[in-house]
Amino acid sequence: MDPTDDEPAFLRNLVKASRQRPEQVRWTDRDGCARQTALTPVEAARLGVIARRERISPGEVLRRAAHVPVPKPGAVPVAPAANQLAP
C-alpha cells in the first residue's frame, strides 16, 4: 500500500476539524500541572457521555485517565512464573 493513498482523507479530515468550533476542557494532570485540551465536537460528546455515566466532570475524567498506564507498543504481557502461582 502506498503511504500517500490515505492523504486525501487525512487532509479532508484536517480541514473539517479546523472548521469546527473546538471545546476546551480544563483539567489537572497527575503531576499537578493545569492542562487545557481542545476537543472536536465529536470528541467532546463522547467525553460527555463518559462523564455523565461516571457522574463526574469531563475534567475529572481526563485527570483519572492520566493515571491509567498505557502499554508500550510492541510490549508483550508477561505471564506469572509457574512458581508464583497459588497452589
PDB file of N, CA and C in Angstrom:
ATOM      1  N   MET A   1       0.846  -1.179   0.000  1.00  0.00           N
ATOM      2  CA  MET A   1       0.000   0.000   0.000  1.00  0.00           C
ATOM      3  C   MET A   1       0.896   1.248   0.000  1.00  0.00           C
ATOM      4  N   ASP A   2       0.619   2.135  -0.874  1.00  0.00           N
ATOM      5  CA  ASP A   2       1.378   3.374  -0.970  1.00  0.00           C
ATOM      6  C   ASP A   2       0.970   4.294   0.191  1.00  0.00           C
ATOM      7  N   PRO A   3       1.944   4.861   0.931  1.00  0.00           N
ATOM      8  CA  PRO A   3       1.586   5.702   2.087  1.00  0.00           C
ATOM      9  C   PRO A   3       0.776   6.932   1.713  1.00  0.00           C
ATOM     10  N   THR A   4       0.798   7.328   0.464  1.00  0.00           N
ATOM     11  CA  THR A   4       0.044   8.522   0.063  1.00  0.00           C
ATOM     12  C   THR A   4      -1.414   8.212  -0.264  1.00  0.00           C
ATOM     13  N   ASP A   5      -1.821   6.949  -0.230  1.00  0.00           N
ATOM     14  CA  ASP A   5      -3.207   6.580  -0.537  1.00  0.00           C
ATOM     15  C   ASP A   5      -4.203   7.222   0.412  1.00  0.00           C
ATOM     16  N   ASP A   6      -3.820   7.401   1.656  1.00  0.00           N
ATOM     17  CA  ASP A   6      -4.764   7.954   2.637  1.00  0.00           C
ATOM     18  C   ASP A   6      -4.612   9.466   2.810  1.00  0.00           C
ATOM     19  N   GLU A   7      -3.723  10.089   2.047  1.00  0.00           N
ATOM     20  CA  GLU A   7      -3.511  11.522   2.202  1.00  0.00           C
ATOM     21  C   GLU A   7      -4.754  12.359   1.931  1.00  0.00           C
ATOM     22  N   PRO A   8      -5.540  12.090   0.867  1.00  0.00           N
ATOM     23  CA  PRO A   8      -6.741  12.910   0.660  1.00  0.00           C
ATOM     24  C   PRO A   8      -7.717  12.844   1.837  1.00  0.00           C
ATOM     25  N   ALA A   9      -7.923  11.664   2.387  1.00  0.00           N
ATOM     26  CA  ALA A   9      -8.827  11.526   3.538  1.00  0.00           C
ATOM     27  C   ALA A   9      -8.248  12.237   4.754  1.00  0.00           C
ATOM     28  N   PHE A  10      -6.949  12.101   4.971  1.00  0.00           N
ATOM     29  CA  PHE A  10      -6.292  12.761   6.095  1.00  0.00           C
ATOM     30  C   PHE A  10      -6.439  14.275   5.985  1.00  0.00           C
ATOM     31  N   LEU A  11      -6.160  14.810   4.798  1.00  0.00           N
ATOM     32  CA  LEU A  11      -6.247  16.250   4.597  1.00  0.00           C
ATOM     33  C   LEU A  11      -7.686  16.744   4.707  1.00  0.00           C
ATOM     34  N   ARG A  12      -8.645  15.979   4.194  1.00  0.00           N
ATOM     35  CA  ARG A  12     -10.053  16.343   4.313  1.00  0.00           C
ATOM     36  C   ARG A  12     -10.465  16.402   5.783  1.00  0.00           C
ATOM     37  N   ASN A  13     -10.020  15.444   6.571  1.00  0.00           N
ATOM     38  CA  ASN A  13     -10.350  15.439   7.999  1.00  0.00           C
ATOM     39  C   ASN A  13      -9.723  16.619   8.728  1.00  0.00           C
ATOM     40  N   LEU A  14      -8.517  17.018   8.326  1.00  0.00           N
ATOM     41  CA  LEU A  14      -7.898  18.196   8.933  1.00  0.00           C
ATOM     42  C   LEU A  14      -8.712  19.450   8.638  1.00  0.00           C
ATOM     43  N   VAL A  15      -9.154  19.586   7.409  1.00  0.00           N
ATOM     44  CA  VAL A  15      -9.945  20.752   7.028  1.00  0.00           C
ATOM     45  C   VAL A  15     -11.275  20.757   7.768  1.00  0.00           C
ATOM     46  N   LYS A  16     -11.925  19.591   7.843  1.00  0.00           N
ATOM     47  CA  LYS A  16     -13.203  19.511   8.551  1.00  0.00           C
ATOM     48  C   LYS A  16     -13.029  19.883  10.019  1.00  0.00           C
ATOM     49  N   ALA A  17     -11.978  19.376  10.648  1.00  0.00           N
ATOM     50  CA  ALA A  17     -11.743  19.663  12.068  1.00  0.00           C
ATOM     51  C   ALA A  17     -11.443  21.139  12.285  1.00  0.00           C
ATOM     52  N   SER A  18     -10.731  21.756  11.350  1.00  0.00           N
ATOM     53  CA  SER A  18     -10.396  23.169  11.521  1.00  0.00           C
ATOM     54  C   SER A  18     -11.615  24.067  11.385  1.00  0.00           C
ATOM     55  N   ARG A  19     -12.647  23.601  10.711  1.00  0.00           N
ATOM     56  CA  ARG A  19     -13.872  24.385  10.548  1.00  0.00           C
ATOM     57  C   ARG A  19     -14.814  24.256  11.736  1.00  0.00           C
ATOM     58  N   GLN A  20     -14.577  23.276  12.569  1.00  0.00           N
ATOM     59  CA  GLN A  20     -15.438  23.057  13.731  1.00  0.00           C
ATOM     60  C   GLN A  20     -14.961  23.909  14.894  1.00  0.00           C
ATOM     61  N   ARG A  21     -15.886  24.237  15.746  1.00  0.00           N
ATOM     62  CA  ARG A  21     -15.541  25.013  16.935  1.00  0.00           C
ATOM     63  C   ARG A  21     -15.040  24.047  18.011  1.00  0.00           C
ATOM     64  N   PRO A  22     -13.772  24.155  18.401  1.00  0.00           N
ATOM     65  CA  PRO A  22     -13.262  23.236  19.422  1.00  0.00           C
ATOM     66  C   PRO A  22     -13.824  23.574  20.802  1.00  0.00           C
ATOM     67  N   GLU A  23     -13.923  22.574  21.620  1.00  0.00           N
ATOM     68  CA  GLU A  23     -14.354  22.760  23.007  1.00  0.00           C
ATOM     69  C   GLU A  23     -13.137  22.559  23.898  1.00  0.00           C
ATOM     70  N   GLN A  24     -12.911  23.494  24.802  1.00  0.00           N
ATOM     71  CA  GLN A  24     -11.773  23.433  25.706  1.00  0.00           C
ATOM     72  C   GLN A  24     -12.187  22.769  27.017  1.00  0.00           C
ATOM     73  N   VAL A  25     -11.409  21.800  27.460  1.00  0.00           N
ATOM     74  CA  VAL A  25     -11.645  21.140  28.744  1.00  0.00           C
ATOM     75  C   VAL A  25     -10.428  21.394  29.615  1.00  0.00           C
ATOM     76  N   ARG A  26     -10.659  21.995  30.769  1.00  0.00           N
ATOM     77  CA  ARG A  26      -9.567  22.246  31.725  1.00  0.00           C
ATOM     78  C   ARG A  26      -9.539  21.116  32.739  1.00  0.00           C
ATOM     79  N   TRP A  27      -8.313  20.668  33.025  1.00  0.00           N
ATOM     80  CA  TRP A  27      -8.140  19.589  33.981  1.00  0.00           C
ATOM     81  C   TRP A  27      -6.741  19.663  34.565  1.00  0.00           C
ATOM     82  N   THR A  28      -6.491  18.896  35.613  1.00  0.00           N
ATOM     83  CA  THR A  28      -5.196  18.881  36.279  1.00  0.00           C
ATOM     84  C   THR A  28      -4.531  17.535  36.024  1.00  0.00           C
ATOM     85  N   ASP A  29      -3.327  17.574  35.499  1.00  0.00           N
ATOM     86  CA  ASP A  29      -2.575  16.368  35.183  1.00  0.00           C
ATOM     87  C   ASP A  29      -2.096  15.706  36.469  1.00  0.00           C
ATOM     88  N   ARG A  30      -1.604  14.494  36.350  1.00  0.00           N
ATOM     89  CA  ARG A  30      -1.184  13.752  37.547  1.00  0.00           C
ATOM     90  C   ARG A  30      -0.002  14.380  38.251  1.00  0.00           C
ATOM     91  N   ASP A  31       0.773  15.206  37.549  1.00  0.00           N
ATOM     92  CA  ASP A  31       1.894  15.895  38.188  1.00  0.00           C
ATOM     93  C   ASP A  31       1.488  17.238  38.777  1.00  0.00           C
ATOM     94  N   GLY A  32       0.186  17.555  38.722  1.00  0.00           N
ATOM     95  CA  GLY A  32      -0.323  18.781  39.308  1.00  0.00           C
ATOM     96  C   GLY A  32      -0.381  19.965  38.355  1.00  0.00           C
ATOM     97  N   CYS A  33       0.068  19.779  37.114  1.00  0.00           N
ATOM     98  CA  CYS A  33       0.037  20.862  36.130  1.00  0.00           C
ATOM     99  C   CYS A  33      -1.382  21.065  35.600  1.00  0.00           C
ATOM    100  N   ALA A  34      -1.756  22.322  35.483  1.00  0.00           N
ATOM    101  CA  ALA A  34      -3.054  22.642  34.880  1.00  0.00           C
ATOM    102  C   ALA A  34      -2.943  22.436  33.376  1.00  0.00           C
ATOM    103  N   ARG A  35      -3.896  21.742  32.825  1.00  0.00           N
ATOM    104  CA  ARG A  35      -3.902  21.456  31.391  1.00  0.00           C
ATOM    105  C   ARG A  35      -5.197  21.982  30.778  1.00  0.00           C
ATOM    106  N   GLN A  36      -5.157  22.206  29.492  1.00  0.00           N
ATOM    107  CA  GLN A  36      -6.334  22.598  28.734  1.00  0.00           C
ATOM    108  C   GLN A  36      -6.274  21.820  27.431  1.00  0.00           C
ATOM    109  N   THR A  37      -7.296  21.022  27.164  1.00  0.00           N
ATOM    110  CA  THR A  37      -7.316  20.180  25.987  1.00  0.00           C
ATOM    111  C   THR A  37      -8.421  20.640  25.054  1.00  0.00           C
ATOM    112  N   ALA A  38      -8.076  20.825  23.795  1.00  0.00           N
ATOM    113  CA  ALA A  38      -9.061  21.207  22.779  1.00  0.00           C
ATOM    114  C   ALA A  38      -9.628  19.934  22.157  1.00  0.00           C
ATOM    115  N   LEU A  39     -10.948  19.834  22.148  1.00  0.00           N
ATOM    116  CA  LEU A  39     -11.618  18.660  21.606  1.00  0.00           C
ATOM    117  C   LEU A  39     -12.525  19.065  20.457  1.00  0.00           C
ATOM    118  N   THR A  40     -12.646  18.175  19.479  1.00  0.00           N
ATOM    119  CA  THR A  40     -13.623  18.390  18.427  1.00  0.00           C
ATOM    120  C   THR A  40     -15.004  18.126  19.020  1.00  0.00           C
ATOM    121  N   PRO A  41     -16.064  18.567  18.364  1.00  0.00           N
ATOM    122  CA  PRO A  41     -17.405  18.292  18.887  1.00  0.00           C
ATOM    123  C   PRO A  41     -17.679  16.803  19.107  1.00  0.00           C
ATOM    124  N   VAL A  42     -17.172  15.957  18.220  1.00  0.00           N
ATOM    125  CA  VAL A  42     -17.381  14.508  18.375  1.00  0.00           C
ATOM    126  C   VAL A  42     -16.661  13.998  19.621  1.00  0.00           C
ATOM    127  N   GLU A  43     -15.414  14.431  19.814  1.00  0.00           N
ATOM    128  CA  GLU A  43     -14.656  14.015  20.997  1.00  0.00           C
ATOM    129  C   GLU A  43     -15.301  14.540  22.270  1.00  0.00           C
ATOM    130  N   ALA A  44     -15.769  15.791  22.236  1.00  0.00           N
ATOM    131  CA  ALA A  44     -16.414  16.387  23.407  1.00  0.00           C
ATOM    132  C   ALA A  44     -17.695  15.641  23.753  1.00  0.00           C
ATOM    133  N   ALA A  45     -18.453  15.242  22.750  1.00  0.00           N
ATOM    134  CA  ALA A  45     -19.691  14.496  23.005  1.00  0.00           C
ATOM    135  C   ALA A  45     -19.380  13.144  23.643  1.00  0.00           C
ATOM    136  N   ARG A  46     -18.369  12.464  23.129  1.00  0.00           N
ATOM    137  CA  ARG A  46     -18.011  11.158  23.696  1.00  0.00           C
ATOM    138  C   ARG A  46     -17.499  11.297  25.122  1.00  0.00           C
ATOM    139  N   LEU A  47     -16.674  12.320  25.371  1.00  0.00           N
ATOM    140  CA  LEU A  47     -16.192  12.568  26.729  1.00  0.00           C
ATOM    141  C   LEU A  47     -17.356  12.893  27.657  1.00  0.00           C
ATOM    142  N   GLY A  48     -18.329  13.656  27.142  1.00  0.00           N
ATOM    143  CA  GLY A  48     -19.512  13.981  27.939  1.00  0.00           C
ATOM    144  C   GLY A  48     -20.320  12.756  28.313  1.00  0.00           C
ATOM    145  N   VAL A  49     -20.427  11.814  27.396  1.00  0.00           N
ATOM    146  CA  VAL A  49     -21.148  10.561  27.691  1.00  0.00           C
ATOM    147  C   VAL A  49     -20.443   9.801  28.808  1.00  0.00           C
ATOM    148  N   ILE A  50     -19.127   9.722  28.720  1.00  0.00           N
ATOM    149  CA  ILE A  50     -18.348   9.024  29.758  1.00  0.00           C
ATOM    150  C   ILE A  50     -18.511   9.744  31.095  1.00  0.00           C
ATOM    151  N   ALA A  51     -18.416  11.064  31.085  1.00  0.00           N
ATOM    152  CA  ALA A  51     -18.529  11.846  32.323  1.00  0.00           C
ATOM    153  C   ALA A  51     -19.911  11.679  32.960  1.00  0.00           C
ATOM    154  N   ARG A  52     -20.962  11.714  32.153  1.00  0.00           N
ATOM    155  CA  ARG A  52     -22.318  11.535  32.706  1.00  0.00           C
ATOM    156  C   ARG A  52     -22.500  10.135  33.280  1.00  0.00           C
ATOM    157  N   ARG A  53     -21.952   9.132  32.585  1.00  0.00           N
ATOM    158  CA  ARG A  53     -22.064   7.763  33.076  1.00  0.00           C
ATOM    159  C   ARG A  53     -21.373   7.610  34.428  1.00  0.00           C
ATOM    160  N   GLU A  54     -20.215   8.246  34.578  1.00  0.00           N
ATOM    161  CA  GLU A  54     -19.453   8.161  35.824  1.00  0.00           C
ATOM    162  C   GLU A  54     -19.910   9.184  36.861  1.00  0.00           C
ATOM    163  N   ARG A  55     -20.778  10.119  36.432  1.00  0.00           N
ATOM    164  CA  ARG A  55     -21.298  11.184  37.294  1.00  0.00           C
ATOM    165  C   ARG A  55     -20.181  12.074  37.846  1.00  0.00           C
ATOM    166  N   ILE A  56     -19.252  12.422  36.935  1.00  0.00           N
ATOM    167  CA  ILE A  56     -18.164  13.333  37.271  1.00  0.00           C
ATOM    168  C   ILE A  56     -17.997  14.321  36.116  1.00  0.00           C
ATOM    169  N   SER A  57     -17.176  15.328  36.306  1.00  0.00           N
ATOM    170  CA  SER A  57     -16.954  16.329  35.260  1.00  0.00           C
ATOM    171  C   SER A  57     -16.020  15.765  34.178  1.00  0.00           C
ATOM    172  N   PRO A  58     -16.097  16.326  32.962  1.00  0.00           N
ATOM    173  CA  PRO A  58     -15.167  15.896  31.920  1.00  0.00           C
ATOM    174  C   PRO A  58     -13.699  16.092  32.321  1.00  0.00           C
ATOM    175  N   GLY A  59     -13.413  17.165  33.042  1.00  0.00           N
ATOM    176  CA  GLY A  59     -12.048  17.381  33.507  1.00  0.00           C
ATOM    177  C   GLY A  59     -11.584  16.287  34.459  1.00  0.00           C
ATOM    178  N   GLU A  60     -12.494  15.824  35.298  1.00  0.00           N
ATOM    179  CA  GLU A  60     -12.161  14.737  36.229  1.00  0.00           C
ATOM    180  C   GLU A  60     -11.930  13.432  35.472  1.00  0.00           C
ATOM    181  N   VAL A  61     -12.674  13.205  34.392  1.00  0.00           N
ATOM    182  CA  VAL A  61     -12.451  12.009  33.576  1.00  0.00           C
ATOM    183  C   VAL A  61     -11.036  12.038  33.014  1.00  0.00           C
ATOM    184  N   LEU A  62     -10.608  13.182  32.501  1.00  0.00           N
ATOM    185  CA  LEU A  62      -9.257  13.286  31.954  1.00  0.00           C
ATOM    186  C   LEU A  62      -8.200  13.137  33.042  1.00  0.00           C
ATOM    187  N   ARG A  63      -8.459  13.699  34.225  1.00  0.00           N
ATOM    188  CA  ARG A  63      -7.499  13.562  35.329  1.00  0.00           C
ATOM    189  C   ARG A  63      -7.323  12.097  35.699  1.00  0.00           C
ATOM    190  N   ARG A  64      -8.428  11.369  35.784  1.00  0.00           N
ATOM    191  CA  ARG A  64      -8.343   9.939  36.126  1.00  0.00           C
ATOM    192  C   ARG A  64      -7.677   9.145  35.009  1.00  0.00           C
ATOM    193  N   ALA A  65      -7.961   9.524  33.767  1.00  0.00           N
ATOM    194  CA  ALA A  65      -7.358   8.812  32.630  1.00  0.00           C
ATOM    195  C   ALA A  65      -5.850   8.998  32.596  1.00  0.00           C
ATOM    196  N   ALA A  66      -5.364  10.115  33.109  1.00  0.00           N
ATOM    197  CA  ALA A  66      -3.916  10.361  33.122  1.00  0.00           C
ATOM    198  C   ALA A  66      -3.193   9.378  34.036  1.00  0.00           C
ATOM    199  N   HIS A  67      -3.907   8.757  34.947  1.00  0.00           N
ATOM    200  CA  HIS A  67      -3.291   7.808  35.884  1.00  0.00           C
ATOM    201  C   HIS A  67      -3.320   6.369  35.377  1.00  0.00           C
ATOM    202  N   VAL A  68      -3.988   6.127  34.261  1.00  0.00           N
ATOM    203  CA  VAL A  68      -4.075   4.776  33.720  1.00  0.00           C
ATOM    204  C   VAL A  68      -2.817   4.497  32.904  1.00  0.00           C
ATOM    205  N   PRO A  69      -2.064   3.456  33.262  1.00  0.00           N
ATOM    206  CA  PRO A  69      -0.852   3.159  32.493  1.00  0.00           C
ATOM    207  C   PRO A  69      -1.204   2.676  31.093  1.00  0.00           C
ATOM    208  N   VAL A  70      -0.444   3.118  30.119  1.00  0.00           N
ATOM    209  CA  VAL A  70      -0.644   2.717  28.733  1.00  0.00           C
ATOM    210  C   VAL A  70       0.509   1.797  28.347  1.00  0.00           C
ATOM    211  N   PRO A  71       0.194   0.587  27.864  1.00  0.00           N
ATOM    212  CA  PRO A  71       1.280  -0.316  27.490  1.00  0.00           C
ATOM    213  C   PRO A  71       2.061   0.233  26.304  1.00  0.00           C
ATOM    214  N   LYS A  72       3.350  -0.035  26.312  1.00  0.00           N
ATOM    215  CA  LYS A  72       4.202   0.417  25.212  1.00  0.00           C
ATOM    216  C   LYS A  72       3.895  -0.416  23.976  1.00  0.00           C
ATOM    217  N   PRO A  73       3.956   0.204  22.798  1.00  0.00           N
ATOM    218  CA  PRO A  73       3.685  -0.548  21.574  1.00  0.00           C
ATOM    219  C   PRO A  73       4.691  -1.688  21.410  1.00  0.00           C
ATOM    220  N   GLY A  74       4.180  -2.834  21.057  1.00  0.00           N
ATOM    221  CA  GLY A  74       5.039  -3.995  20.857  1.00  0.00           C
ATOM    222  C   GLY A  74       5.370  -4.755  22.122  1.00  0.00           C
ATOM    223  N   ALA A  75       4.927  -4.249  23.275  1.00  0.00           N
ATOM    224  CA  ALA A  75       5.206  -4.946  24.534  1.00  0.00           C
ATOM    225  C   ALA A  75       4.292  -6.160  24.649  1.00  0.00           C
ATOM    226  N   VAL A  76       4.862  -7.255  25.080  1.00  0.00           N
ATOM    227  CA  VAL A  76       4.101  -8.483  25.245  1.00  0.00           C
ATOM    228  C   VAL A  76       3.834  -8.667  26.732  1.00  0.00           C
ATOM    229  N   PRO A  77       2.566  -8.856  27.137  1.00  0.00           N
ATOM    230  CA  PRO A  77       2.293  -9.076  28.554  1.00  0.00           C
ATOM    231  C   PRO A  77       2.987 -10.343  29.037  1.00  0.00           C
ATOM    232  N   VAL A  78       3.559 -10.262  30.208  1.00  0.00           N
ATOM    233  CA  VAL A  78       4.304 -11.384  30.770  1.00  0.00           C
ATOM    234  C   VAL A  78       3.405 -12.142  31.735  1.00  0.00           C
ATOM    235  N   ALA A  79       3.291 -13.444  31.515  1.00  0.00           N
ATOM    236  CA  ALA A  79       2.507 -14.298  32.406  1.00  0.00           C
ATOM    237  C   ALA A  79       3.331 -14.566  33.651  1.00  0.00           C
ATOM    238  N   PRO A  80       2.684 -14.726  34.812  1.00  0.00           N
ATOM    239  CA  PRO A  80       3.442 -15.043  36.037  1.00  0.00           C
ATOM    240  C   PRO A  80       4.144 -16.376  35.897  1.00  0.00           C
ATOM    241  N   ALA A  81       5.306 -16.468  36.533  1.00  0.00           N
ATOM    242  CA  ALA A  81       6.066 -17.729  36.508  1.00  0.00           C
ATOM    243  C   ALA A  81       5.290 -18.802  37.250  1.00  0.00           C
ATOM    244  N   ALA A  82       5.562 -20.057  36.899  1.00  0.00           N
ATOM    245  CA  ALA A  82       4.840 -21.173  37.490  1.00  0.00           C
ATOM    246  C   ALA A  82       5.010 -21.246  38.999  1.00  0.00           C
ATOM    247  N   ASN A  83       6.187 -20.840  39.518  1.00  0.00           N
ATOM    248  CA  ASN A  83       6.415 -20.912  40.948  1.00  0.00           C
ATOM    249  C   ASN A  83       5.716 -19.768  41.678  1.00  0.00           C
ATOM    250  N   GLN A  84       5.156 -18.793  40.954  1.00  0.00           N
ATOM    251  CA  GLN A  84       4.452 -17.683  41.585  1.00  0.00           C
ATOM    252  C   GLN A  84       2.956 -17.915  41.688  1.00  0.00           C
ATOM    253  N   LEU A  85       2.463 -18.978  41.065  1.00  0.00           N
ATOM    254  CA  LEU A  85       1.034 -19.260  41.094  1.00  0.00           C
ATOM    255  C   LEU A  85       0.639 -19.830  42.438  1.00  0.00           C
ATOM    256  N   ALA A  86      -0.561 -19.507  42.856  1.00  0.00           N
ATOM    257  CA  ALA A  86      -1.077 -20.039  44.124  1.00  0.00           C
ATOM    258  C   ALA A  86      -1.364 -21.523  43.979  1.00  0.00           C
ATOM    259  N   PRO A  87      -1.140 -22.314  45.046  1.00  0.00           N
ATOM    260  CA  PRO A  87      -1.383 -23.767  44.963  1.00  0.00           C
ATOM    261  C   PRO A  87      -2.850 -24.098  44.864  1.00  0.00           C
TER     262      PRO A  87
END
